[in-house]
Amino acid sequence: METHKTTINRADSKTSLCFAIREKTLVINLTEDKPNEVKSVFNQLILELKKGEFKFELDDSETDLFYHISSEYISQLNSELSSVYKELKDYDLLESKAE
């Protein structure tokens, strides 16, 4: 199982959780309520799961409120990703490796 880094991007006007996965970065804004943005990121993660199982690890040195929120979010996300991966495998929906 691969482990990918997640970072918190703190800016004056917004704070985002950034998921680095296979040459792309997926972003969820933590300071605005945008459920469609979260849904879009999750859908992209499901597509990546078809290529192989992975999890995220928070890489952040500040232990502020955003750190604690992000840490819990990633924990829940990793659990959900593991569950979805097992379902994809059970239904034979994983992408086959190149021969």
PDB file of N, CA and C in Angstrom:
ATOM      1  N   MET A   1       0.843  -1.176   0.000  1.00  0.00           N
ATOM      2  CA  MET A   1       0.000   0.000   0.000  1.00  0.00           C
ATOM      3  C   MET A   1       0.890   1.241   0.000  1.00  0.00           C
ATOM      4  N   GLU A   2       0.555   2.160  -0.866  1.00  0.00           N
ATOM      5  CA  GLU A   2       1.297   3.415  -0.947  1.00  0.00           C
ATOM      6  C   GLU A   2       0.802   4.392   0.114  1.00  0.00           C
ATOM      7  N   THR A   3       1.703   5.272   0.546  1.00  0.00           N
ATOM      8  CA  THR A   3       1.334   6.349   1.456  1.00  0.00           C
ATOM      9  C   THR A   3       1.649   7.667   0.775  1.00  0.00           C
ATOM     10  N   HIS A   4       0.651   8.536   0.690  1.00  0.00           N
ATOM     11  CA  HIS A   4       0.815   9.848   0.061  1.00  0.00           C
ATOM     12  C   HIS A   4       0.723  10.938   1.109  1.00  0.00           C
ATOM     13  N   LYS A   5       1.395  12.045   0.847  1.00  0.00           N
ATOM     14  CA  LYS A   5       1.439  13.160   1.786  1.00  0.00           C
ATOM     15  C   LYS A   5       0.243  14.089   1.611  1.00  0.00           C
ATOM     16  N   THR A   6      -0.198  14.601   2.749  1.00  0.00           N
ATOM     17  CA  THR A   6      -1.229  15.628   2.781  1.00  0.00           C
ATOM     18  C   THR A   6      -0.659  16.801   3.561  1.00  0.00           C
ATOM     19  N   THR A   7      -0.850  18.001   3.030  1.00  0.00           N
ATOM     20  CA  THR A   7      -0.356  19.195   3.706  1.00  0.00           C
ATOM     21  C   THR A   7      -1.496  20.184   3.907  1.00  0.00           C
ATOM     22  N   ILE A   8      -1.271  21.110   4.819  1.00  0.00           N
ATOM     23  CA  ILE A   8      -2.237  22.174   5.061  1.00  0.00           C
ATOM     24  C   ILE A   8      -1.646  23.457   4.504  1.00  0.00           C
ATOM     25  N   ASN A   9      -2.378  24.086   3.598  1.00  0.00           N
ATOM     26  CA  ASN A   9      -1.950  25.349   3.011  1.00  0.00           C
ATOM     27  C   ASN A   9      -2.703  26.468   3.725  1.00  0.00           C
ATOM     28  N   ARG A  10      -1.995  27.195   4.571  1.00  0.00           N
ATOM     29  CA  ARG A  10      -2.605  28.280   5.342  1.00  0.00           C
ATOM     30  C   ARG A  10      -2.344  29.607   4.642  1.00  0.00           C
ATOM     31  N   ALA A  11      -3.397  30.278   4.245  1.00  0.00           N
ATOM     32  CA  ALA A  11      -3.298  31.605   3.633  1.00  0.00           C
ATOM     33  C   ALA A  11      -4.150  32.561   4.461  1.00  0.00           C
ATOM     34  N   ASP A  12      -3.999  33.852   4.211  1.00  0.00           N
ATOM     35  CA  ASP A  12      -4.764  34.842   4.978  1.00  0.00           C
ATOM     36  C   ASP A  12      -6.263  34.647   4.834  1.00  0.00           C
ATOM     37  N   SER A  13      -6.711  34.411   3.621  1.00  0.00           N
ATOM     38  CA  SER A  13      -8.154  34.354   3.374  1.00  0.00           C
ATOM     39  C   SER A  13      -8.746  32.944   3.423  1.00  0.00           C
ATOM     40  N   LYS A  14      -7.918  31.912   3.236  1.00  0.00           N
ATOM     41  CA  LYS A  14      -8.455  30.554   3.279  1.00  0.00           C
ATOM     42  C   LYS A  14      -7.372  29.555   3.664  1.00  0.00           C
ATOM     43  N   THR A  15      -7.819  28.432   4.165  1.00  0.00           N
ATOM     44  CA  THR A  15      -6.924  27.334   4.519  1.00  0.00           C
ATOM     45  C   THR A  15      -7.420  26.088   3.798  1.00  0.00           C
ATOM     46  N   SER A  16      -6.483  25.381   3.168  1.00  0.00           N
ATOM     47  CA  SER A  16      -6.850  24.223   2.357  1.00  0.00           C
ATOM     48  C   SER A  16      -6.062  22.992   2.769  1.00  0.00           C
ATOM     49  N   LEU A  17      -6.679  21.859   2.556  1.00  0.00           N
ATOM     50  CA  LEU A  17      -6.042  20.569   2.757  1.00  0.00           C
ATOM     51  C   LEU A  17      -5.653  20.062   1.370  1.00  0.00           C
ATOM     52  N   CYS A  18      -4.359  19.806   1.168  1.00  0.00           N
ATOM     53  CA  CYS A  18      -3.845  19.443  -0.151  1.00  0.00           C
ATOM     54  C   CYS A  18      -3.348  18.000  -0.148  1.00  0.00           C
ATOM     55  N   PHE A  19      -3.943  17.193  -1.005  1.00  0.00           N
ATOM     56  CA  PHE A  19      -3.603  15.777  -1.124  1.00  0.00           C
ATOM     57  C   PHE A  19      -2.721  15.586  -2.352  1.00  0.00           C
ATOM     58  N   ALA A  20      -1.471  15.195  -2.151  1.00  0.00           N
ATOM     59  CA  ALA A  20      -0.556  14.935  -3.263  1.00  0.00           C
ATOM     60  C   ALA A  20      -0.635  13.451  -3.597  1.00  0.00           C
ATOM     61  N   ILE A  21      -1.072  13.158  -4.827  1.00  0.00           N
ATOM     62  CA  ILE A  21      -1.205  11.763  -5.236  1.00  0.00           C
ATOM     63  C   ILE A  21      -0.864  11.612  -6.712  1.00  0.00           C
ATOM     64  N   ARG A  22       0.105  10.764  -6.974  1.00  0.00           N
ATOM     65  CA  ARG A  22       0.493  10.412  -8.346  1.00  0.00           C
ATOM     66  C   ARG A  22       0.524  11.615  -9.290  1.00  0.00           C
ATOM     67  N   GLU A  23       1.396  12.532  -9.012  1.00  0.00           N
ATOM     68  CA  GLU A  23       1.661  13.674  -9.889  1.00  0.00           C
ATOM     69  C   GLU A  23       0.526  14.682  -9.986  1.00  0.00           C
ATOM     70  N   LYS A  24      -0.415  14.643  -9.062  1.00  0.00           N
ATOM     71  CA  LYS A  24      -1.448  15.671  -9.033  1.00  0.00           C
ATOM     72  C   LYS A  24      -1.726  16.043  -7.595  1.00  0.00           C
ATOM     73  N   THR A  25      -2.312  17.202  -7.415  1.00  0.00           N
ATOM     74  CA  THR A  25      -2.683  17.665  -6.081  1.00  0.00           C
ATOM     75  C   THR A  25      -4.169  17.971  -6.061  1.00  0.00           C
ATOM     76  N   LEU A  26      -4.869  17.354  -5.131  1.00  0.00           N
ATOM     77  CA  LEU A  26      -6.299  17.583  -4.953  1.00  0.00           C
ATOM     78  C   LEU A  26      -6.474  18.457  -3.722  1.00  0.00           C
ATOM     79  N   VAL A  27      -7.363  19.452  -3.817  1.00  0.00           N
ATOM     80  CA  VAL A  27      -7.477  20.458  -2.762  1.00  0.00           C
ATOM     81  C   VAL A  27      -8.903  20.543  -2.227  1.00  0.00           C
ATOM     82  N   ILE A  28      -9.004  20.568  -0.897  1.00  0.00           N
ATOM     83  CA  ILE A  28     -10.284  20.808  -0.226  1.00  0.00           C
ATOM     84  C   ILE A  28     -10.117  22.057   0.634  1.00  0.00           C
ATOM     85  N   ASN A  29     -10.973  23.036   0.406  1.00  0.00           N
ATOM     86  CA  ASN A  29     -10.946  24.269   1.181  1.00  0.00           C
ATOM     87  C   ASN A  29     -11.574  24.003   2.549  1.00  0.00           C
ATOM     88  N   LEU A  30     -10.813  24.251   3.611  1.00  0.00           N
ATOM     89  CA  LEU A  30     -11.295  23.993   4.968  1.00  0.00           C
ATOM     90  C   LEU A  30     -12.077  25.159   5.566  1.00  0.00           C
ATOM     91  N   THR A  31     -11.985  26.322   4.949  1.00  0.00           N
ATOM     92  CA  THR A  31     -12.617  27.511   5.525  1.00  0.00           C
ATOM     93  C   THR A  31     -13.915  27.907   4.834  1.00  0.00           C
ATOM     94  N   GLU A  32     -14.349  27.126   3.871  1.00  0.00           N
ATOM     95  CA  GLU A  32     -15.618  27.386   3.186  1.00  0.00           C
ATOM     96  C   GLU A  32     -16.412  26.090   3.101  1.00  0.00           C
ATOM     97  N   ASP A  33     -17.712  26.217   3.071  1.00  0.00           N
ATOM     98  CA  ASP A  33     -18.595  25.060   2.964  1.00  0.00           C
ATOM     99  C   ASP A  33     -18.891  24.800   1.490  1.00  0.00           C
ATOM    100  N   LYS A  34     -18.159  23.861   0.904  1.00  0.00           N
ATOM    101  CA  LYS A  34     -18.324  23.531  -0.512  1.00  0.00           C
ATOM    102  C   LYS A  34     -18.434  22.016  -0.668  1.00  0.00           C
ATOM    103  N   PRO A  35     -19.616  21.463  -0.408  1.00  0.00           N
ATOM    104  CA  PRO A  35     -19.766  20.002  -0.475  1.00  0.00           C
ATOM    105  C   PRO A  35     -19.492  19.419  -1.854  1.00  0.00           C
ATOM    106  N   ASN A  36     -19.772  20.161  -2.917  1.00  0.00           N
ATOM    107  CA  ASN A  36     -19.503  19.641  -4.262  1.00  0.00           C
ATOM    108  C   ASN A  36     -18.007  19.509  -4.512  1.00  0.00           C
ATOM    109  N   GLU A  37     -17.224  20.409  -3.924  1.00  0.00           N
ATOM    110  CA  GLU A  37     -15.769  20.326  -4.040  1.00  0.00           C
ATOM    111  C   GLU A  37     -15.259  19.063  -3.345  1.00  0.00           C
ATOM    112  N   VAL A  38     -15.788  18.788  -2.169  1.00  0.00           N
ATOM    113  CA  VAL A  38     -15.402  17.587  -1.419  1.00  0.00           C
ATOM    114  C   VAL A  38     -15.808  16.336  -2.195  1.00  0.00           C
ATOM    115  N   LYS A  39     -17.006  16.349  -2.749  1.00  0.00           N
ATOM    116  CA  LYS A  39     -17.494  15.210  -3.538  1.00  0.00           C
ATOM    117  C   LYS A  39     -16.607  14.973  -4.761  1.00  0.00           C
ATOM    118  N   SER A  40     -16.207  16.049  -5.420  1.00  0.00           N
ATOM    119  CA  SER A  40     -15.346  15.936  -6.591  1.00  0.00           C
ATOM    120  C   SER A  40     -13.990  15.319  -6.228  1.00  0.00           C
ATOM    121  N   VAL A  41     -13.406  15.775  -5.126  1.00  0.00           N
ATOM    122  CA  VAL A  41     -12.125  15.215  -4.684  1.00  0.00           C
ATOM    123  C   VAL A  41     -12.289  13.734  -4.356  1.00  0.00           C
ATOM    124  N   PHE A  42     -13.348  13.381  -3.655  1.00  0.00           N
ATOM    125  CA  PHE A  42     -13.567  11.977  -3.304  1.00  0.00           C
ATOM    126  C   PHE A  42     -13.745  11.121  -4.560  1.00  0.00           C
ATOM    127  N   ASN A  43     -14.469  11.620  -5.545  1.00  0.00           N
ATOM    128  CA  ASN A  43     -14.639  10.876  -6.798  1.00  0.00           C
ATOM    129  C   ASN A  43     -13.305  10.667  -7.500  1.00  0.00           C
ATOM    130  N   GLN A  44     -12.445  11.681  -7.478  1.00  0.00           N
ATOM    131  CA  GLN A  44     -11.121  11.536  -8.084  1.00  0.00           C
ATOM    132  C   GLN A  44     -10.278  10.514  -7.315  1.00  0.00           C
ATOM    133  N   LEU A  45     -10.437  10.493  -6.002  1.00  0.00           N
ATOM    134  CA  LEU A  45      -9.707   9.511  -5.198  1.00  0.00           C
ATOM    135  C   LEU A  45     -10.179   8.090  -5.499  1.00  0.00           C
ATOM    136  N   ILE A  46     -11.461   7.920  -5.752  1.00  0.00           N
ATOM    137  CA  ILE A  46     -11.979   6.597  -6.115  1.00  0.00           C
ATOM    138  C   ILE A  46     -11.360   6.136  -7.433  1.00  0.00           C
ATOM    139  N   LEU A  47     -11.237   7.041  -8.391  1.00  0.00           N
ATOM    140  CA  LEU A  47     -10.591   6.688  -9.657  1.00  0.00           C
ATOM    141  C   LEU A  47      -9.140   6.267  -9.424  1.00  0.00           C
ATOM    142  N   GLU A  48      -8.453   6.955  -8.520  1.00  0.00           N
ATOM    143  CA  GLU A  48      -7.067   6.587  -8.203  1.00  0.00           C
ATOM    144  C   GLU A  48      -6.997   5.235  -7.489  1.00  0.00           C
ATOM    145  N   LEU A  49      -8.008   4.929  -6.673  1.00  0.00           N
ATOM    146  CA  LEU A  49      -8.047   3.640  -5.968  1.00  0.00           C
ATOM    147  C   LEU A  49      -8.087   2.468  -6.940  1.00  0.00           C
ATOM    148  N   LYS A  50      -8.673   2.672  -8.096  1.00  0.00           N
ATOM    149  CA  LYS A  50      -8.731   1.596  -9.090  1.00  0.00           C
ATOM    150  C   LYS A  50      -7.334   1.183  -9.541  1.00  0.00           C
ATOM    151  N   LYS A  51      -6.357   2.078  -9.369  1.00  0.00           N
ATOM    152  CA  LYS A  51      -4.975   1.799  -9.766  1.00  0.00           C
ATOM    153  C   LYS A  51      -4.188   1.106  -8.656  1.00  0.00           C
ATOM    154  N   GLY A  52      -4.719   1.141  -7.440  1.00  0.00           N
ATOM    155  CA  GLY A  52      -4.039   0.499  -6.316  1.00  0.00           C
ATOM    156  C   GLY A  52      -4.382   1.166  -5.000  1.00  0.00           C
ATOM    157  N   GLU A  53      -4.278   0.379  -3.932  1.00  0.00           N
ATOM    158  CA  GLU A  53      -4.648   0.876  -2.605  1.00  0.00           C
ATOM    159  C   GLU A  53      -3.610   1.876  -2.087  1.00  0.00           C
ATOM    160  N   PHE A  54      -4.071   2.892  -1.392  1.00  0.00           N
ATOM    161  CA  PHE A  54      -3.193   3.901  -0.811  1.00  0.00           C
ATOM    162  C   PHE A  54      -3.856   4.508   0.415  1.00  0.00           C
ATOM    163  N   LYS A  55      -3.056   5.256   1.148  1.00  0.00           N
ATOM    164  CA  LYS A  55      -3.573   6.015   2.286  1.00  0.00           C
ATOM    165  C   LYS A  55      -2.839   7.347   2.333  1.00  0.00           C
ATOM    166  N   PHE A  56      -3.345   8.250   3.164  1.00  0.00           N
ATOM    167  CA  PHE A  56      -2.735   9.565   3.306  1.00  0.00           C
ATOM    168  C   PHE A  56      -2.147   9.735   4.692  1.00  0.00           C
ATOM    169  N   GLU A  57      -1.108  10.563   4.745  1.00  0.00           N
ATOM    170  CA  GLU A  57      -0.444  10.886   6.000  1.00  0.00           C
ATOM    171  C   GLU A  57      -0.267  12.399   6.051  1.00  0.00           C
ATOM    172  N   LEU A  58      -0.656  13.003   7.154  1.00  0.00           N
ATOM    173  CA  LEU A  58      -0.547  14.452   7.298  1.00  0.00           C
ATOM    174  C   LEU A  58       0.897  14.844   7.573  1.00  0.00           C
ATOM    175  N   ASP A  59       1.402  15.776   6.780  1.00  0.00           N
ATOM    176  CA  ASP A  59       2.757  16.288   6.927  1.00  0.00           C
ATOM    177  C   ASP A  59       2.642  17.771   7.272  1.00  0.00           C
ATOM    178  N   ASP A  60       2.625  18.079   8.569  1.00  0.00           N
ATOM    179  CA  ASP A  60       2.429  19.460   9.005  1.00  0.00           C
ATOM    180  C   ASP A  60       3.084  19.638  10.367  1.00  0.00           C
ATOM    181  N   SER A  61       3.740  20.770  10.566  1.00  0.00           N
ATOM    182  CA  SER A  61       4.471  20.991  11.814  1.00  0.00           C
ATOM    183  C   SER A  61       3.697  21.812  12.846  1.00  0.00           C
ATOM    184  N   GLU A  62       2.657  22.507  12.430  1.00  0.00           N
ATOM    185  CA  GLU A  62       1.863  23.305  13.367  1.00  0.00           C
ATOM    186  C   GLU A  62       0.763  22.442  13.981  1.00  0.00           C
ATOM    187  N   THR A  63       0.540  22.606  15.264  1.00  0.00           N
ATOM    188  CA  THR A  63      -0.535  21.847  15.913  1.00  0.00           C
ATOM    189  C   THR A  63      -1.667  22.784  16.332  1.00  0.00           C
ATOM    190  N   ASP A  64      -2.212  23.464  15.349  1.00  0.00           N
ATOM    191  CA  ASP A  64      -3.334  24.372  15.578  1.00  0.00           C
ATOM    192  C   ASP A  64      -4.658  23.644  15.313  1.00  0.00           C
ATOM    193  N   LEU A  65      -5.739  24.388  15.314  1.00  0.00           N
ATOM    194  CA  LEU A  65      -7.062  23.807  15.085  1.00  0.00           C
ATOM    195  C   LEU A  65      -7.139  23.107  13.728  1.00  0.00           C
ATOM    196  N   PHE A  66      -6.560  23.708  12.690  1.00  0.00           N
ATOM    197  CA  PHE A  66      -6.601  23.097  11.358  1.00  0.00           C
ATOM    198  C   PHE A  66      -5.852  21.765  11.334  1.00  0.00           C
ATOM    199  N   TYR A  67      -4.786  21.663  12.098  1.00  0.00           N
ATOM    200  CA  TYR A  67      -4.054  20.400  12.193  1.00  0.00           C
ATOM    201  C   TYR A  67      -4.958  19.306  12.765  1.00  0.00           C
ATOM    202  N   HIS A  68      -5.639  19.623  13.847  1.00  0.00           N
ATOM    203  CA  HIS A  68      -6.493  18.622  14.495  1.00  0.00           C
ATOM    204  C   HIS A  68      -7.685  18.238  13.614  1.00  0.00           C
ATOM    205  N   ILE A  69      -8.284  19.214  12.964  1.00  0.00           N
ATOM    206  CA  ILE A  69      -9.391  18.940  12.037  1.00  0.00           C
ATOM    207  C   ILE A  69      -8.901  18.059  10.889  1.00  0.00           C
ATOM    208  N   SER A  70      -7.765  18.427  10.320  1.00  0.00           N
ATOM    209  CA  SER A  70      -7.217  17.690   9.178  1.00  0.00           C
ATOM    210  C   SER A  70      -6.802  16.279   9.563  1.00  0.00           C
ATOM    211  N   SER A  71      -6.219  16.145  10.727  1.00  0.00           N
ATOM    212  CA  SER A  71      -5.799  14.828  11.198  1.00  0.00           C
ATOM    213  C   SER A  71      -6.997  13.886  11.327  1.00  0.00           C
ATOM    214  N   GLU A  72      -8.068  14.370  11.911  1.00  0.00           N
ATOM    215  CA  GLU A  72      -9.282  13.556  12.052  1.00  0.00           C
ATOM    216  C   GLU A  72      -9.904  13.267  10.683  1.00  0.00           C
ATOM    217  N   TYR A  73      -9.919  14.266   9.814  1.00  0.00           N
ATOM    218  CA  TYR A  73     -10.473  14.096   8.471  1.00  0.00           C
ATOM    219  C   TYR A  73      -9.714  13.005   7.721  1.00  0.00           C
ATOM    220  N   ILE A  74      -8.388  13.047   7.788  1.00  0.00           N
ATOM    221  CA  ILE A  74      -7.559  12.066   7.081  1.00  0.00           C
ATOM    222  C   ILE A  74      -7.763  10.669   7.658  1.00  0.00           C
ATOM    223  N   SER A  75      -7.899  10.582   8.955  1.00  0.00           N
ATOM    224  CA  SER A  75      -8.164   9.287   9.587  1.00  0.00           C
ATOM    225  C   SER A  75      -9.469   8.686   9.065  1.00  0.00           C
ATOM    226  N   GLN A  76     -10.511   9.490   9.017  1.00  0.00           N
ATOM    227  CA  GLN A  76     -11.804   9.027   8.502  1.00  0.00           C
ATOM    228  C   GLN A  76     -11.716   8.697   7.007  1.00  0.00           C
ATOM    229  N   LEU A  77     -11.007   9.545   6.265  1.00  0.00           N
ATOM    230  CA  LEU A  77     -10.856   9.320   4.827  1.00  0.00           C
ATOM    231  C   LEU A  77     -10.115   8.016   4.562  1.00  0.00           C
ATOM    232  N   ASN A  78      -9.035   7.761   5.288  1.00  0.00           N
ATOM    233  CA  ASN A  78      -8.279   6.517   5.103  1.00  0.00           C
ATOM    234  C   ASN A  78      -9.147   5.294   5.365  1.00  0.00           C
ATOM    235  N   SER A  79      -9.978   5.372   6.375  1.00  0.00           N
ATOM    236  CA  SER A  79     -10.895   4.273   6.678  1.00  0.00           C
ATOM    237  C   SER A  79     -11.880   4.060   5.527  1.00  0.00           C
ATOM    238  N   GLU A  80     -12.419   5.151   5.019  1.00  0.00           N
ATOM    239  CA  GLU A  80     -13.371   5.074   3.908  1.00  0.00           C
ATOM    240  C   GLU A  80     -12.695   4.562   2.634  1.00  0.00           C
ATOM    241  N   LEU A  81     -11.478   5.029   2.361  1.00  0.00           N
ATOM    242  CA  LEU A  81     -10.752   4.578   1.172  1.00  0.00           C
ATOM    243  C   LEU A  81     -10.473   3.077   1.241  1.00  0.00           C
ATOM    244  N   SER A  82     -10.120   2.585   2.405  1.00  0.00           N
ATOM    245  CA  SER A  82      -9.869   1.157   2.583  1.00  0.00           C
ATOM    246  C   SER A  82     -11.131   0.348   2.304  1.00  0.00           C
ATOM    247  N   SER A  83     -12.244   0.826   2.801  1.00  0.00           N
ATOM    248  CA  SER A  83     -13.527   0.153   2.588  1.00  0.00           C
ATOM    249  C   SER A  83     -13.911   0.148   1.106  1.00  0.00           C
ATOM    250  N   VAL A  84     -13.756   1.289   0.455  1.00  0.00           N
ATOM    251  CA  VAL A  84     -14.093   1.389  -0.970  1.00  0.00           C
ATOM    252  C   VAL A  84     -13.170   0.497  -1.796  1.00  0.00           C
ATOM    253  N   TYR A  85     -11.874   0.467  -1.449  1.00  0.00           N
ATOM    254  CA  TYR A  85     -10.938  -0.382  -2.184  1.00  0.00           C
ATOM    255  C   TYR A  85     -11.360  -1.849  -2.111  1.00  0.00           C
ATOM    256  N   LYS A  86     -11.754  -2.300  -0.932  1.00  0.00           N
ATOM    257  CA  LYS A  86     -12.198  -3.691  -0.776  1.00  0.00           C
ATOM    258  C   LYS A  86     -13.424  -3.977  -1.632  1.00  0.00           C
ATOM    259  N   GLU A  87     -14.337  -3.014  -1.705  1.00  0.00           N
ATOM    260  CA  GLU A  87     -15.522  -3.199  -2.552  1.00  0.00           C
ATOM    261  C   GLU A  87     -15.141  -3.238  -4.027  1.00  0.00           C
ATOM    262  N   LEU A  88     -14.240  -2.353  -4.448  1.00  0.00           N
ATOM    263  CA  LEU A  88     -13.782  -2.367  -5.839  1.00  0.00           C
ATOM    264  C   LEU A  88     -13.150  -3.716  -6.173  1.00  0.00           C
ATOM    265  N   LYS A  89     -12.369  -4.236  -5.241  1.00  0.00           N
ATOM    266  CA  LYS A  89     -11.717  -5.532  -5.443  1.00  0.00           C
ATOM    267  C   LYS A  89     -12.750  -6.652  -5.498  1.00  0.00           C
ATOM    268  N   ASP A  90     -13.716  -6.634  -4.568  1.00  0.00           N
ATOM    269  CA  ASP A  90     -14.758  -7.666  -4.532  1.00  0.00           C
ATOM    270  C   ASP A  90     -15.568  -7.711  -5.823  1.00  0.00           C
ATOM    271  N   TYR A  91     -15.805  -6.553  -6.416  1.00  0.00           N
ATOM    272  CA  TYR A  91     -16.599  -6.482  -7.646  1.00  0.00           C
ATOM    273  C   TYR A  91     -15.732  -6.463  -8.906  1.00  0.00           C
ATOM    274  N   ASP A  92     -14.439  -6.754  -8.735  1.00  0.00           N
ATOM    275  CA  ASP A  92     -13.504  -6.840  -9.859  1.00  0.00           C
ATOM    276  C   ASP A  92     -13.496  -5.553 -10.689  1.00  0.00           C
ATOM    277  N   LEU A  93     -13.426  -4.412 -10.007  1.00  0.00           N
ATOM    278  CA  LEU A  93     -13.434  -3.115 -10.685  1.00  0.00           C
ATOM    279  C   LEU A  93     -12.067  -2.430 -10.674  1.00  0.00           C
ATOM    280  N   LEU A  94     -11.030  -3.145 -10.236  1.00  0.00           N
ATOM    281  CA  LEU A  94      -9.687  -2.574 -10.216  1.00  0.00           C
ATOM    282  C   LEU A  94      -9.088  -2.629 -11.610  1.00  0.00           C
ATOM    283  N   GLU A  95      -8.234  -1.653 -11.909  1.00  0.00           N
ATOM    284  CA  GLU A  95      -7.544  -1.665 -13.197  1.00  0.00           C
ATOM    285  C   GLU A  95      -6.469  -2.739 -13.144  1.00  0.00           C
ATOM    286  N   SER A  96      -6.371  -3.510 -14.215  1.00  0.00           N
ATOM    287  CA  SER A  96      -5.349  -4.557 -14.241  1.00  0.00           C
ATOM    288  C   SER A  96      -3.994  -3.935 -14.536  1.00  0.00           C
ATOM    289  N   LYS A  97      -2.961  -4.527 -13.969  1.00  0.00           N
ATOM    290  CA  LYS A  97      -1.597  -4.039 -14.179  1.00  0.00           C
ATOM    291  C   LYS A  97      -1.163  -4.372 -15.598  1.00  0.00           C
ATOM    292  N   ALA A  98      -0.317  -3.493 -16.166  1.00  0.00           N
ATOM    293  CA  ALA A  98       0.192  -3.723 -17.520  1.00  0.00           C
ATOM    294  C   ALA A  98       1.049  -4.985 -17.527  1.00  0.00           C
ATOM    295  N   GLU A  99       0.897  -5.752 -18.563  1.00  0.00           N
ATOM    296  CA  GLU A  99       1.639  -7.020 -18.660  1.00  0.00           C
ATOM    297  C   GLU A  99       2.961  -6.828 -19.345  1.00  0.00           C
TER     298      GLU A  99
END
